[in-house]
Amino acid sequence: MSLIERAIASLDRNRTVLIAGPTASGKSTLAMAIAAKFGWPVVNADALQVYSDWRVVTARPTEQDETTVPHHLYGHIAGSQSYSVGDWLRQIEPILLAQKCVVVGGTGLYFSALTEGLADIPTPSADVRTSSEARLATAGLAGLLEDLDPKTRARIDTVNPRRVQRAWEVMEATGRGLADWQDSTGPAVLPLEQTQPLVLSASKDWLTPRIETRFEAMMESGALDEARKNAPSWHPDLPSAKAIGAAELIAYVQGRANLEVVREAVTIQTRQYAKRQRSWFRARMQDWHWIDAAQP
């Protein structure tokens, strides 16, 4: 039996399946197989695959995938529009109430919010965002971190600028640490015990070669055409601009970068992102069922 066949054989049709895993681990293939077998839709749990402007770069399901199996919450948000985990929770709840699903993605925060609950944290104002940008520019990431309370520093990914800046903005806007807000969460939309939660475990040695071939696959799938289409409206502050490879491919099509340099930069960033994902899963998903993605 293959990994996919073993996974399907172990599942109960009466409970929604959650699949987490680092980039390039094969989680989307597994999700498609389960969905096709059970007649369920696939629902996105990746923070960047919600955006409409980068299908290839974010490895969103192909149009053929979407005609084979119903897909929800993919590519439905304009790249210029902010989108939060709270937005995602509000949109996924009616889908989960309507039917069983396969929820798949690499954004650990989405899964923890779904299964553990999410604090109703006020959205910081534009003035607070301006202040955080100024603090970052003058004091760097270390400056933002030193302003946070110890409990928040211990909980967030301190090497992820976006997470650190978000925590700083919450503290600045509300006077309360992000960890305190998170500890006052409401009930979970879908408690973990009501699901079948799977994590694809992927060692660095197994995952790295797959990541290194990912760039070529992107190019063959039309990444440059996608970059050319997005170039006229490109701005690094767009929410969708955080997609790995977006800035580099834009630089290439605008004649500001060499393709080999772009390839190396994208590969390194993808490896680093996969490392952060694996760290999150190990720290926060010990109660999930772990599957070795390297098994045939």
C-alpha atoms as a PDB file:
ATOM      1  CA  MET A   1       0.000   0.000   0.000  1.00  0.00           C
ATOM      2  CA  SER A   2       1.170   3.505  -0.769  1.00  0.00           C
ATOM      3  CA  LEU A   3       1.255   6.318   1.773  1.00  0.00           C
ATOM      4  CA  ILE A   4      -1.939   7.751   0.302  1.00  0.00           C
ATOM      5  CA  GLU A   5      -3.714   4.392   0.348  1.00  0.00           C
ATOM      6  CA  ARG A   6      -2.693   3.781   3.965  1.00  0.00           C
ATOM      7  CA  ALA A   7      -3.868   7.223   5.000  1.00  0.00           C
ATOM      8  CA  ILE A   8      -7.247   6.811   3.324  1.00  0.00           C
ATOM      9  CA  ALA A   9      -7.749   3.357   4.817  1.00  0.00           C
ATOM     10  CA  SER A  10      -7.230   4.766   8.311  1.00  0.00           C
ATOM     11  CA  LEU A  11      -9.809   7.543   8.006  1.00  0.00           C
ATOM     12  CA  ASP A  12     -13.402   7.854   9.195  1.00  0.00           C
ATOM     13  CA  ARG A  13     -15.879   9.360   6.730  1.00  0.00           C
ATOM     14  CA  ASN A  14     -17.762  11.002   9.593  1.00  0.00           C
ATOM     15  CA  ARG A  15     -15.081  13.472  10.651  1.00  0.00           C
ATOM     16  CA  THR A  16     -13.407  16.300   8.756  1.00  0.00           C
ATOM     17  CA  VAL A  17      -9.742  15.724   7.919  1.00  0.00           C
ATOM     18  CA  LEU A  18      -7.065  18.329   8.628  1.00  0.00           C
ATOM     19  CA  ILE A  19      -3.726  18.054   6.807  1.00  0.00           C
ATOM     20  CA  ALA A  20      -0.752  20.212   7.748  1.00  0.00           C
ATOM     21  CA  GLY A  21       2.763  19.953   6.405  1.00  0.00           C
ATOM     22  CA  PRO A  22       5.729  21.981   5.225  1.00  0.00           C
ATOM     23  CA  THR A  23       5.921  23.288   1.688  1.00  0.00           C
ATOM     24  CA  ALA A  24       6.763  20.635  -0.946  1.00  0.00           C
ATOM     25  CA  SER A  25       5.804  17.755   1.377  1.00  0.00           C
ATOM     26  CA  GLY A  26       2.977  16.462  -0.821  1.00  0.00           C
ATOM     27  CA  LYS A  27       0.063  17.521   1.388  1.00  0.00           C
ATOM     28  CA  SER A  28      -2.031  18.851  -1.508  1.00  0.00           C
ATOM     29  CA  THR A  29      -1.722  15.549  -3.378  1.00  0.00           C
ATOM     30  CA  LEU A  30      -2.873  13.681  -0.272  1.00  0.00           C
ATOM     31  CA  ALA A  31      -5.774  16.098   0.236  1.00  0.00           C
ATOM     32  CA  MET A  32      -6.926  15.677  -3.368  1.00  0.00           C
ATOM     33  CA  ALA A  33      -6.853  11.887  -3.077  1.00  0.00           C
ATOM     34  CA  ILE A  34      -8.887  11.883   0.149  1.00  0.00           C
ATOM     35  CA  ALA A  35     -11.392  14.394  -1.210  1.00  0.00           C
ATOM     36  CA  ALA A  36     -11.871  12.407  -4.417  1.00  0.00           C
ATOM     37  CA  LYS A  37     -12.346   9.168  -2.477  1.00  0.00           C
ATOM     38  CA  PHE A  38     -14.902  10.578  -0.025  1.00  0.00           C
ATOM     39  CA  GLY A  39     -16.629  13.061  -2.343  1.00  0.00           C
ATOM     40  CA  TRP A  40     -15.605  15.997  -0.161  1.00  0.00           C
ATOM     41  CA  PRO A  41     -14.299  19.455  -1.066  1.00  0.00           C
ATOM     42  CA  VAL A  42     -10.766  20.646  -0.336  1.00  0.00           C
ATOM     43  CA  VAL A  43     -10.546  23.795   1.796  1.00  0.00           C
ATOM     44  CA  ASN A  44      -7.500  26.028   1.910  1.00  0.00           C
ATOM     45  CA  ALA A  45      -5.520  26.681   5.110  1.00  0.00           C
ATOM     46  CA  ASP A  46      -2.634  28.607   3.565  1.00  0.00           C
ATOM     47  CA  ALA A  47      -2.423  32.343   4.210  1.00  0.00           C
ATOM     48  CA  LEU A  48      -1.028  33.224   0.778  1.00  0.00           C
ATOM     49  CA  GLN A  49      -3.067  30.885  -1.390  1.00  0.00           C
ATOM     50  CA  VAL A  50      -6.138  32.995  -0.662  1.00  0.00           C
ATOM     51  CA  TYR A  51      -4.854  35.668  -3.068  1.00  0.00           C
ATOM     52  CA  SER A  52      -5.971  35.752  -6.676  1.00  0.00           C
ATOM     53  CA  ASP A  53      -2.850  37.196  -8.299  1.00  0.00           C
ATOM     54  CA  TRP A  54      -0.254  34.460  -7.634  1.00  0.00           C
ATOM     55  CA  ARG A  55      -1.572  31.000  -8.470  1.00  0.00           C
ATOM     56  CA  VAL A  56       1.707  29.499  -9.716  1.00  0.00           C
ATOM     57  CA  VAL A  57       4.064  31.190  -7.265  1.00  0.00           C
ATOM     58  CA  THR A  58       1.990  30.158  -4.229  1.00  0.00           C
ATOM     59  CA  ALA A  59       1.420  26.635  -5.628  1.00  0.00           C
ATOM     60  CA  ARG A  60      -2.337  26.992  -5.567  1.00  0.00           C
ATOM     61  CA  PRO A  61      -4.298  24.081  -7.061  1.00  0.00           C
ATOM     62  CA  THR A  62      -4.443  24.157 -10.834  1.00  0.00           C
ATOM     63  CA  GLU A  63      -7.616  24.883 -12.765  1.00  0.00           C
ATOM     64  CA  GLN A  64      -7.768  21.181 -13.608  1.00  0.00           C
ATOM     65  CA  ASP A  65      -7.546  20.303  -9.902  1.00  0.00           C
ATOM     66  CA  GLU A  66     -10.426  22.655  -9.206  1.00  0.00           C
ATOM     67  CA  THR A  67     -12.602  21.010 -11.856  1.00  0.00           C
ATOM     68  CA  THR A  68     -11.765  17.527 -10.556  1.00  0.00           C
ATOM     69  CA  VAL A  69     -12.599  18.246  -6.905  1.00  0.00           C
ATOM     70  CA  PRO A  70     -14.419  21.279  -5.429  1.00  0.00           C
ATOM     71  CA  HIS A  71     -12.012  23.739  -3.780  1.00  0.00           C
ATOM     72  CA  HIS A  72     -12.870  26.551  -1.360  1.00  0.00           C
ATOM     73  CA  LEU A  73     -11.037  29.661  -0.107  1.00  0.00           C
ATOM     74  CA  TYR A  74      -8.394  29.603  -2.844  1.00  0.00           C
ATOM     75  CA  GLY A  75      -7.636  32.707  -4.889  1.00  0.00           C
ATOM     76  CA  HIS A  76     -10.772  34.512  -3.761  1.00  0.00           C
ATOM     77  CA  ILE A  77      -9.114  37.629  -2.318  1.00  0.00           C
ATOM     78  CA  ALA A  78      -7.572  40.475  -4.336  1.00  0.00           C
ATOM     79  CA  GLY A  79      -3.838  40.813  -3.797  1.00  0.00           C
ATOM     80  CA  SER A  80      -4.325  44.359  -2.539  1.00  0.00           C
ATOM     81  CA  GLN A  81      -6.784  43.355   0.183  1.00  0.00           C
ATOM     82  CA  SER A  82      -5.737  42.583   3.745  1.00  0.00           C
ATOM     83  CA  TYR A  83      -6.871  39.184   4.988  1.00  0.00           C
ATOM     84  CA  SER A  84      -6.528  37.918   8.536  1.00  0.00           C
ATOM     85  CA  VAL A  85      -6.875  34.615  10.312  1.00  0.00           C
ATOM     86  CA  GLY A  86     -10.140  36.008  11.707  1.00  0.00           C
ATOM     87  CA  ASP A  87     -11.408  36.573   8.161  1.00  0.00           C
ATOM     88  CA  TRP A  88     -10.478  33.002   7.296  1.00  0.00           C
ATOM     89  CA  LEU A  89     -12.278  31.603  10.352  1.00  0.00           C
ATOM     90  CA  ARG A  90     -15.457  33.497   9.523  1.00  0.00           C
ATOM     91  CA  GLN A  91     -15.378  32.168   5.964  1.00  0.00           C
ATOM     92  CA  ILE A  92     -14.542  28.558   6.760  1.00  0.00           C
ATOM     93  CA  GLU A  93     -17.189  28.110   9.470  1.00  0.00           C
ATOM     94  CA  PRO A  94     -20.243  27.878   7.151  1.00  0.00           C
ATOM     95  CA  ILE A  95     -18.336  25.532   4.855  1.00  0.00           C
ATOM     96  CA  LEU A  96     -17.588  23.174   7.744  1.00  0.00           C
ATOM     97  CA  LEU A  97     -21.181  23.340   8.970  1.00  0.00           C
ATOM     98  CA  ALA A  98     -22.476  22.352   5.533  1.00  0.00           C
ATOM     99  CA  GLN A  99     -20.388  19.199   5.018  1.00  0.00           C
ATOM    100  CA  LYS A 100     -17.284  17.231   5.890  1.00  0.00           C
ATOM    101  CA  CYS A 101     -14.120  18.545   4.217  1.00  0.00           C
ATOM    102  CA  VAL A 102     -10.397  18.112   3.807  1.00  0.00           C
ATOM    103  CA  VAL A 103      -8.732  21.235   5.196  1.00  0.00           C
ATOM    104  CA  VAL A 104      -5.143  21.474   3.988  1.00  0.00           C
ATOM    105  CA  GLY A 105      -2.333  23.988   4.218  1.00  0.00           C
ATOM    106  CA  GLY A 106       0.924  25.064   5.754  1.00  0.00           C
ATOM    107  CA  THR A 107      -0.195  27.980   7.930  1.00  0.00           C
ATOM    108  CA  GLY A 108      -0.039  26.658  11.460  1.00  0.00           C
ATOM    109  CA  LEU A 109      -1.794  29.702  12.910  1.00  0.00           C
ATOM    110  CA  TYR A 110      -4.891  28.931  10.837  1.00  0.00           C
ATOM    111  CA  PHE A 111      -5.093  25.427  12.250  1.00  0.00           C
ATOM    112  CA  SER A 112      -4.531  26.509  15.853  1.00  0.00           C
ATOM    113  CA  ALA A 113      -7.198  29.206  15.510  1.00  0.00           C
ATOM    114  CA  LEU A 114      -9.611  26.681  14.004  1.00  0.00           C
ATOM    115  CA  THR A 115      -9.120  23.975  16.634  1.00  0.00           C
ATOM    116  CA  GLU A 116      -8.233  26.028  19.736  1.00  0.00           C
ATOM    117  CA  GLY A 117     -10.095  29.307  19.214  1.00  0.00           C
ATOM    118  CA  LEU A 118      -8.999  32.826  18.355  1.00  0.00           C
ATOM    119  CA  ALA A 119      -8.902  35.922  20.522  1.00  0.00           C
ATOM    120  CA  ASP A 120     -10.943  38.858  19.261  1.00  0.00           C
ATOM    121  CA  ILE A 121      -7.980  41.226  18.992  1.00  0.00           C
ATOM    122  CA  PRO A 122      -8.762  44.765  17.782  1.00  0.00           C
ATOM    123  CA  THR A 123      -7.162  45.682  14.457  1.00  0.00           C
ATOM    124  CA  PRO A 124      -4.423  48.304  15.011  1.00  0.00           C
ATOM    125  CA  SER A 125      -4.897  51.605  13.195  1.00  0.00           C
ATOM    126  CA  ALA A 126      -2.855  52.866  10.270  1.00  0.00           C
ATOM    127  CA  ASP A 127      -1.071  55.227  12.676  1.00  0.00           C
ATOM    128  CA  VAL A 128       0.088  52.283  14.768  1.00  0.00           C
ATOM    129  CA  ARG A 129       1.338  50.525  11.631  1.00  0.00           C
ATOM    130  CA  THR A 130       3.301  53.673  10.735  1.00  0.00           C
ATOM    131  CA  SER A 131       4.795  53.702  14.237  1.00  0.00           C
ATOM    132  CA  SER A 132       5.814  50.061  13.997  1.00  0.00           C
ATOM    133  CA  GLU A 133       7.481  50.658  10.640  1.00  0.00           C
ATOM    134  CA  ALA A 134       9.396  53.592  12.117  1.00  0.00           C
ATOM    135  CA  ARG A 135      10.455  51.537  15.149  1.00  0.00           C
ATOM    136  CA  LEU A 136      11.590  48.713  12.888  1.00  0.00           C
ATOM    137  CA  ALA A 137      13.588  51.119  10.717  1.00  0.00           C
ATOM    138  CA  THR A 138      15.392  52.731  13.651  1.00  0.00           C
ATOM    139  CA  ALA A 139      15.826  49.832  16.095  1.00  0.00           C
ATOM    140  CA  GLY A 140      15.429  46.751  13.924  1.00  0.00           C
ATOM    141  CA  LEU A 141      13.701  43.520  14.876  1.00  0.00           C
ATOM    142  CA  ALA A 142      15.551  43.467  18.199  1.00  0.00           C
ATOM    143  CA  GLY A 143      14.023  46.821  19.083  1.00  0.00           C
ATOM    144  CA  LEU A 144      10.506  45.555  18.477  1.00  0.00           C
ATOM    145  CA  LEU A 145      11.213  42.411  20.482  1.00  0.00           C
ATOM    146  CA  GLU A 146      12.546  44.272  23.504  1.00  0.00           C
ATOM    147  CA  ASP A 147       9.284  46.237  23.694  1.00  0.00           C
ATOM    148  CA  LEU A 148       7.214  43.058  23.993  1.00  0.00           C
ATOM    149  CA  ASP A 149       6.219  41.358  27.220  1.00  0.00           C
ATOM    150  CA  PRO A 150       8.134  38.154  28.104  1.00  0.00           C
ATOM    151  CA  LYS A 151       5.132  35.873  27.607  1.00  0.00           C
ATOM    152  CA  THR A 152       4.562  37.133  24.077  1.00  0.00           C
ATOM    153  CA  ARG A 153       8.278  36.906  23.207  1.00  0.00           C
ATOM    154  CA  ALA A 154       8.313  33.292  24.357  1.00  0.00           C
ATOM    155  CA  ARG A 155       5.307  32.384  22.245  1.00  0.00           C
ATOM    156  CA  ILE A 156       5.807  34.033  18.851  1.00  0.00           C
ATOM    157  CA  ASP A 157       8.244  33.189  16.055  1.00  0.00           C
ATOM    158  CA  THR A 158      10.901  35.773  16.924  1.00  0.00           C
ATOM    159  CA  VAL A 159      12.711  35.463  13.582  1.00  0.00           C
ATOM    160  CA  ASN A 160       9.565  36.182  11.575  1.00  0.00           C
ATOM    161  CA  PRO A 161       9.403  39.980  11.104  1.00  0.00           C
ATOM    162  CA  ARG A 162       5.728  39.911  10.235  1.00  0.00           C
ATOM    163  CA  ARG A 163       4.796  38.094  13.468  1.00  0.00           C
ATOM    164  CA  VAL A 164       7.019  40.319  15.605  1.00  0.00           C
ATOM    165  CA  GLN A 165       5.637  43.487  14.064  1.00  0.00           C
ATOM    166  CA  ARG A 166       2.069  42.252  14.533  1.00  0.00           C
ATOM    167  CA  ALA A 167       2.746  41.558  18.229  1.00  0.00           C
ATOM    168  CA  TRP A 168       4.304  45.002  18.680  1.00  0.00           C
ATOM    169  CA  GLU A 169       1.317  46.680  17.040  1.00  0.00           C
ATOM    170  CA  VAL A 170      -1.146  44.841  19.280  1.00  0.00           C
ATOM    171  CA  MET A 171       0.807  45.918  22.378  1.00  0.00           C
ATOM    172  CA  GLU A 172       1.006  49.505  21.139  1.00  0.00           C
ATOM    173  CA  ALA A 173      -2.677  49.702  20.207  1.00  0.00           C
ATOM    174  CA  THR A 174      -4.230  47.943  23.198  1.00  0.00           C
ATOM    175  CA  GLY A 175      -1.712  48.065  26.025  1.00  0.00           C
ATOM    176  CA  ARG A 176      -1.983  44.282  26.333  1.00  0.00           C
ATOM    177  CA  GLY A 177       0.444  41.675  25.101  1.00  0.00           C
ATOM    178  CA  LEU A 178      -0.539  39.407  22.230  1.00  0.00           C
ATOM    179  CA  ALA A 179      -0.168  36.354  24.473  1.00  0.00           C
ATOM    180  CA  ASP A 180      -2.700  37.800  26.951  1.00  0.00           C
ATOM    181  CA  TRP A 181      -5.170  38.337  24.122  1.00  0.00           C
ATOM    182  CA  GLN A 182      -4.594  34.796  22.867  1.00  0.00           C
ATOM    183  CA  ASP A 183      -5.189  33.374  26.338  1.00  0.00           C
ATOM    184  CA  SER A 184      -8.644  34.977  26.436  1.00  0.00           C
ATOM    185  CA  THR A 185      -9.874  33.083  23.386  1.00  0.00           C
ATOM    186  CA  GLY A 186     -13.438  32.075  22.668  1.00  0.00           C
ATOM    187  CA  PRO A 187     -14.570  28.536  21.811  1.00  0.00           C
ATOM    188  CA  ALA A 188     -13.005  26.769  18.848  1.00  0.00           C
ATOM    189  CA  VAL A 189     -14.929  26.587  15.577  1.00  0.00           C
ATOM    190  CA  LEU A 190     -13.854  22.942  15.209  1.00  0.00           C
ATOM    191  CA  PRO A 191     -12.234  21.363  18.285  1.00  0.00           C
ATOM    192  CA  LEU A 192      -9.346  19.054  17.493  1.00  0.00           C
ATOM    193  CA  GLU A 193     -11.053  15.999  18.985  1.00  0.00           C
ATOM    194  CA  GLN A 194     -13.843  16.339  16.417  1.00  0.00           C
ATOM    195  CA  THR A 195     -11.398  16.073  13.512  1.00  0.00           C
ATOM    196  CA  GLN A 196      -8.859  13.693  12.018  1.00  0.00           C
ATOM    197  CA  PRO A 197      -5.682  15.811  12.193  1.00  0.00           C
ATOM    198  CA  LEU A 198      -2.701  14.699  10.100  1.00  0.00           C
ATOM    199  CA  VAL A 199       0.771  16.221   9.889  1.00  0.00           C
ATOM    200  CA  LEU A 200       3.180  15.247   7.138  1.00  0.00           C
ATOM    201  CA  SER A 201       6.581  14.857   8.730  1.00  0.00           C
ATOM    202  CA  ALA A 202       9.424  15.646   6.359  1.00  0.00           C
ATOM    203  CA  SER A 203      13.111  15.569   7.238  1.00  0.00           C
ATOM    204  CA  LYS A 204      15.409  18.256   5.899  1.00  0.00           C
ATOM    205  CA  ASP A 205      17.381  15.702   3.838  1.00  0.00           C
ATOM    206  CA  TRP A 206      14.224  14.441   2.127  1.00  0.00           C
ATOM    207  CA  LEU A 207      12.555  17.815   1.687  1.00  0.00           C
ATOM    208  CA  THR A 208      15.501  19.873   0.398  1.00  0.00           C
ATOM    209  CA  PRO A 209      15.823  18.133  -3.010  1.00  0.00           C
ATOM    210  CA  ARG A 210      12.077  18.569  -3.542  1.00  0.00           C
ATOM    211  CA  ILE A 211      12.338  22.263  -2.741  1.00  0.00           C
ATOM    212  CA  GLU A 212      15.276  22.630  -5.116  1.00  0.00           C
ATOM    213  CA  THR A 213      13.209  21.279  -8.019  1.00  0.00           C
ATOM    214  CA  ARG A 214      10.248  23.480  -7.114  1.00  0.00           C
ATOM    215  CA  PHE A 215      11.604  26.555  -8.892  1.00  0.00           C
ATOM    216  CA  GLU A 216      11.909  24.733 -12.223  1.00  0.00           C
ATOM    217  CA  ALA A 217       8.386  23.406 -11.808  1.00  0.00           C
ATOM    218  CA  MET A 218       7.155  26.952 -11.206  1.00  0.00           C
ATOM    219  CA  MET A 219       8.877  28.175 -14.333  1.00  0.00           C
ATOM    220  CA  GLU A 220       7.388  25.373 -16.430  1.00  0.00           C
ATOM    221  CA  SER A 221       3.939  26.186 -15.057  1.00  0.00           C
ATOM    222  CA  GLY A 222       4.077  29.825 -16.157  1.00  0.00           C
ATOM    223  CA  ALA A 223       5.605  31.749 -13.247  1.00  0.00           C
ATOM    224  CA  LEU A 224       7.212  34.297 -15.556  1.00  0.00           C
ATOM    225  CA  ASP A 225       3.935  34.972 -17.368  1.00  0.00           C
ATOM    226  CA  GLU A 226       2.303  35.420 -13.980  1.00  0.00           C
ATOM    227  CA  ALA A 227       5.015  37.876 -12.933  1.00  0.00           C
ATOM    228  CA  ARG A 228       4.657  39.863 -16.153  1.00  0.00           C
ATOM    229  CA  LYS A 229       0.911  40.081 -15.612  1.00  0.00           C
ATOM    230  CA  ASN A 230       1.387  41.347 -12.056  1.00  0.00           C
ATOM    231  CA  ALA A 231       4.292  43.707 -12.776  1.00  0.00           C
ATOM    232  CA  PRO A 232       2.242  46.825 -13.749  1.00  0.00           C
ATOM    233  CA  SER A 233       0.409  46.875 -10.387  1.00  0.00           C
ATOM    234  CA  TRP A 234       3.256  45.475  -8.281  1.00  0.00           C
ATOM    235  CA  HIS A 235       4.160  47.075  -4.971  1.00  0.00           C
ATOM    236  CA  PRO A 236       6.135  45.407  -2.170  1.00  0.00           C
ATOM    237  CA  ASP A 237       3.565  46.526   0.413  1.00  0.00           C
ATOM    238  CA  LEU A 238       0.728  44.564  -1.180  1.00  0.00           C
ATOM    239  CA  PRO A 239      -0.496  41.773   1.132  1.00  0.00           C
ATOM    240  CA  SER A 240       0.103  39.192  -1.607  1.00  0.00           C
ATOM    241  CA  ALA A 241       3.672  40.451  -2.144  1.00  0.00           C
ATOM    242  CA  LYS A 242       4.772  38.250   0.760  1.00  0.00           C
ATOM    243  CA  ALA A 243       4.523  35.197  -1.488  1.00  0.00           C
ATOM    244  CA  ILE A 244       7.953  33.588  -1.741  1.00  0.00           C
ATOM    245  CA  GLY A 245       9.400  34.341  -5.164  1.00  0.00           C
ATOM    246  CA  ALA A 246       7.032  37.162  -6.056  1.00  0.00           C
ATOM    247  CA  ALA A 247       9.464  40.024  -5.486  1.00  0.00           C
ATOM    248  CA  GLU A 248      12.339  38.170  -7.142  1.00  0.00           C
ATOM    249  CA  LEU A 249      10.369  37.264 -10.268  1.00  0.00           C
ATOM    250  CA  ILE A 250       9.072  40.809 -10.573  1.00  0.00           C
ATOM    251  CA  ALA A 251      12.666  42.046 -10.383  1.00  0.00           C
ATOM    252  CA  TYR A 252      13.643  39.625 -13.148  1.00  0.00           C
ATOM    253  CA  VAL A 253      10.858  40.588 -15.553  1.00  0.00           C
ATOM    254  CA  GLN A 254      11.657  44.261 -14.909  1.00  0.00           C
ATOM    255  CA  GLY A 255      15.295  43.638 -15.836  1.00  0.00           C
ATOM    256  CA  ARG A 256      16.647  44.187 -12.337  1.00  0.00           C
ATOM    257  CA  ALA A 257      17.834  40.648 -11.546  1.00  0.00           C
ATOM    258  CA  ASN A 258      19.600  37.655 -13.089  1.00  0.00           C
ATOM    259  CA  LEU A 259      17.578  34.448 -13.314  1.00  0.00           C
ATOM    260  CA  GLU A 260      20.241  32.379 -11.552  1.00  0.00           C
ATOM    261  CA  VAL A 261      20.261  34.847  -8.660  1.00  0.00           C
ATOM    262  CA  VAL A 262      16.473  34.664  -8.523  1.00  0.00           C
ATOM    263  CA  ARG A 263      16.540  30.860  -8.507  1.00  0.00           C
ATOM    264  CA  GLU A 264      19.013  30.772  -5.618  1.00  0.00           C
ATOM    265  CA  ALA A 265      17.128  33.378  -3.583  1.00  0.00           C
ATOM    266  CA  VAL A 266      13.768  31.663  -3.996  1.00  0.00           C
ATOM    267  CA  THR A 267      15.204  28.255  -3.104  1.00  0.00           C
ATOM    268  CA  ILE A 268      16.879  29.586   0.049  1.00  0.00           C
ATOM    269  CA  GLN A 269      13.724  31.401   1.156  1.00  0.00           C
ATOM    270  CA  THR A 270      11.637  28.284   0.589  1.00  0.00           C
ATOM    271  CA  ARG A 271      14.033  26.153   2.653  1.00  0.00           C
ATOM    272  CA  GLN A 272      13.918  28.710   5.463  1.00  0.00           C
ATOM    273  CA  TYR A 273      10.135  28.828   5.336  1.00  0.00           C
ATOM    274  CA  ALA A 274       9.889  25.030   5.486  1.00  0.00           C
ATOM    275  CA  LYS A 275      12.182  25.056   8.519  1.00  0.00           C
ATOM    276  CA  ARG A 276       9.902  27.526  10.310  1.00  0.00           C
ATOM    277  CA  GLN A 277       6.883  25.408   9.432  1.00  0.00           C
ATOM    278  CA  ARG A 278       8.481  22.243  10.802  1.00  0.00           C
ATOM    279  CA  SER A 279       9.401  24.051  14.006  1.00  0.00           C
ATOM    280  CA  TRP A 280       5.827  25.269  14.442  1.00  0.00           C
ATOM    281  CA  PHE A 281       4.349  21.827  13.847  1.00  0.00           C
ATOM    282  CA  ARG A 282       6.725  20.167  16.315  1.00  0.00           C
ATOM    283  CA  ALA A 283       5.940  22.752  18.985  1.00  0.00           C
ATOM    284  CA  ARG A 284       2.182  23.077  18.490  1.00  0.00           C
ATOM    285  CA  MET A 285       0.887  19.862  16.902  1.00  0.00           C
ATOM    286  CA  GLN A 286       2.046  17.078  19.183  1.00  0.00           C
ATOM    287  CA  ASP A 287      -1.541  15.821  19.516  1.00  0.00           C
ATOM    288  CA  TRP A 288      -1.916  15.389  15.741  1.00  0.00           C
ATOM    289  CA  HIS A 289      -1.253  12.126  13.900  1.00  0.00           C
ATOM    290  CA  TRP A 290       2.173  12.300  12.270  1.00  0.00           C
ATOM    291  CA  ILE A 291       2.833  10.643   8.905  1.00  0.00           C
ATOM    292  CA  ASP A 292       6.288  10.226   7.416  1.00  0.00           C
ATOM    293  CA  ALA A 293       6.015  11.891   4.010  1.00  0.00           C
ATOM    294  CA  ALA A 294       9.146  10.112   2.810  1.00  0.00           C
ATOM    295  CA  GLN A 295       7.547   6.680   3.036  1.00  0.00           C
ATOM    296  CA  PRO A 296       6.642   5.261  -0.381  1.00  0.00           C
END
